[in-house]
Amino acid sequence: MSTLIPFPPRPTPTTPTEVGGISTGRPAPVVSAVYTVAETSTILRLSLGSTYALVRSGEIPALKLGGRWVIPRGRLHRWLDDLPTASTDDIERELTAIERRAQRQQHRRRDGA
């Protein structure tokens, strides 16, 4: 014969009010431990496709759980904090490289046409 021991009801987390820290009895908002790729793309202001590419390449720290990608909140924020800052020299080098690429494409079009 088995004995069934019932568990007591699980308490619901509540949010304190601003006056005196008295509980309102309302459930506390649930904060997820992970971001979706869509949420991450919104945070980074990137397209969804670019964000997926960065996740797949390992550039953005992510985990594949059950066939879907998730980005741990803490790891994403640490990754963002550790990114190097761009100097004006970096920006000028990048703009120069973009201009050179555009010029090469124009020369190829002229030579190929």
Protein backbone atom coordinates (compact mmCIF):
# COMPACT_ATOMS: atom_id res chain seq x y z
CA MET A 1 0.00 0.00 0.00
CA SER A 2 1.39 3.39 -0.96
CA THR A 3 0.98 6.53 1.02
CA LEU A 4 0.30 9.73 -0.87
CA ILE A 5 1.60 12.84 0.83
CA PRO A 6 0.13 16.00 -0.67
CA PHE A 7 2.42 18.95 -1.21
CA PRO A 8 1.27 22.26 0.23
CA PRO A 9 0.16 24.82 -2.35
CA ARG A 10 3.04 26.72 -3.86
CA PRO A 11 3.12 30.39 -2.82
CA THR A 12 2.69 32.89 -5.64
CA PRO A 13 5.37 35.58 -5.75
CA THR A 14 3.95 39.03 -5.18
CA THR A 15 5.12 42.52 -5.92
CA PRO A 16 5.41 45.00 -3.05
CA THR A 17 3.60 48.30 -3.34
CA GLU A 18 5.56 51.51 -3.24
CA VAL A 19 4.04 52.52 0.11
CA GLY A 20 5.55 50.61 2.99
CA GLY A 21 6.40 47.46 1.02
CA ILE A 22 2.96 45.91 1.59
CA SER A 23 2.15 43.00 -0.69
CA THR A 24 -0.61 43.61 -3.22
CA GLY A 25 -1.27 39.92 -3.79
CA ARG A 26 -0.71 40.33 -7.55
CA PRO A 27 1.78 37.99 -9.23
CA ALA A 28 5.22 39.43 -9.80
CA PRO A 29 6.20 39.94 -13.43
CA VAL A 30 8.12 36.98 -14.80
CA VAL A 31 11.55 37.89 -16.10
CA SER A 32 12.96 35.35 -18.50
CA ALA A 33 16.50 34.09 -18.04
CA VAL A 34 17.02 34.04 -21.81
CA TYR A 35 16.28 36.17 -24.85
CA THR A 36 14.94 34.84 -28.13
CA VAL A 37 16.80 35.65 -31.31
CA ALA A 38 14.01 38.10 -32.21
CA GLU A 39 14.33 39.88 -28.84
CA THR A 40 18.11 40.01 -29.27
CA SER A 41 17.78 41.48 -32.76
CA THR A 42 15.54 44.20 -31.33
CA ILE A 43 17.98 44.93 -28.51
CA LEU A 44 20.93 45.13 -30.94
CA ARG A 45 18.87 46.92 -33.62
CA LEU A 46 19.91 44.36 -36.22
CA SER A 47 17.84 42.48 -38.75
CA LEU A 48 16.60 39.06 -37.71
CA GLY A 49 18.70 37.43 -40.45
CA SER A 50 21.89 39.21 -39.33
CA THR A 51 21.23 38.23 -35.74
CA TYR A 52 20.73 34.56 -36.70
CA ALA A 53 23.99 34.68 -38.68
CA LEU A 54 25.88 36.08 -35.67
CA VAL A 55 24.31 33.47 -33.38
CA ARG A 56 25.18 30.59 -35.73
CA SER A 57 28.75 31.83 -36.17
CA GLY A 58 29.22 31.99 -32.39
CA GLU A 59 29.77 35.75 -32.39
CA ILE A 60 26.74 36.24 -30.11
CA PRO A 61 26.83 33.84 -27.13
CA ALA A 62 23.87 31.50 -27.55
CA LEU A 63 22.65 27.99 -26.81
CA LYS A 64 20.55 25.68 -28.91
CA LEU A 65 17.81 24.21 -26.71
CA GLY A 66 15.29 21.82 -28.19
CA GLY A 67 15.94 22.96 -31.73
CA ARG A 68 15.72 26.69 -31.04
CA TRP A 69 18.33 29.26 -30.22
CA VAL A 70 18.25 31.12 -26.91
CA ILE A 71 20.60 33.82 -25.69
CA PRO A 72 21.28 33.89 -21.93
CA ARG A 73 20.61 37.41 -20.61
CA GLY A 74 23.71 37.67 -18.45
CA ARG A 75 26.05 36.35 -21.15
CA LEU A 76 24.62 38.73 -23.75
CA HIS A 77 25.05 41.74 -21.48
CA ARG A 78 28.61 40.70 -20.51
CA TRP A 79 29.40 40.20 -24.22
CA LEU A 80 28.08 43.69 -24.99
CA ASP A 81 30.06 45.21 -22.12
CA ASP A 82 33.26 43.51 -23.35
CA LEU A 83 32.96 44.72 -26.95
CA PRO A 84 35.70 47.15 -27.90
CA THR A 85 34.66 50.73 -28.45
CA ALA A 86 35.21 52.24 -31.88
CA SER A 87 37.51 55.22 -32.20
CA THR A 88 37.25 57.84 -34.92
CA ASP A 89 40.27 56.17 -36.60
CA ASP A 90 38.36 52.87 -36.72
CA ILE A 91 35.36 54.57 -38.30
CA GLU A 92 37.55 56.35 -40.88
CA ARG A 93 39.28 53.06 -41.80
CA GLU A 94 35.91 51.36 -42.22
CA LEU A 95 34.56 54.19 -44.41
CA THR A 96 37.73 54.09 -46.54
CA ALA A 97 37.35 50.33 -46.99
CA ILE A 98 33.71 50.75 -48.01
CA GLU A 99 34.67 53.43 -50.55
CA ARG A 100 37.40 51.19 -52.00
CA ARG A 101 34.94 48.30 -52.37
CA ALA A 102 32.47 50.57 -54.15
CA GLN A 103 35.21 51.81 -56.52
CA ARG A 104 36.30 48.23 -57.33
CA GLN A 105 32.70 47.26 -58.10
CA GLN A 106 32.37 50.26 -60.44
CA HIS A 107 35.61 49.30 -62.25
CA ARG A 108 34.41 45.70 -62.61
CA ARG A 109 31.11 46.83 -64.05
CA ARG A 110 32.87 49.12 -66.53
CA ASP A 111 35.38 46.47 -67.53
CA GLY A 112 32.75 43.74 -67.79
CA ALA A 113 30.19 45.81 -69.70
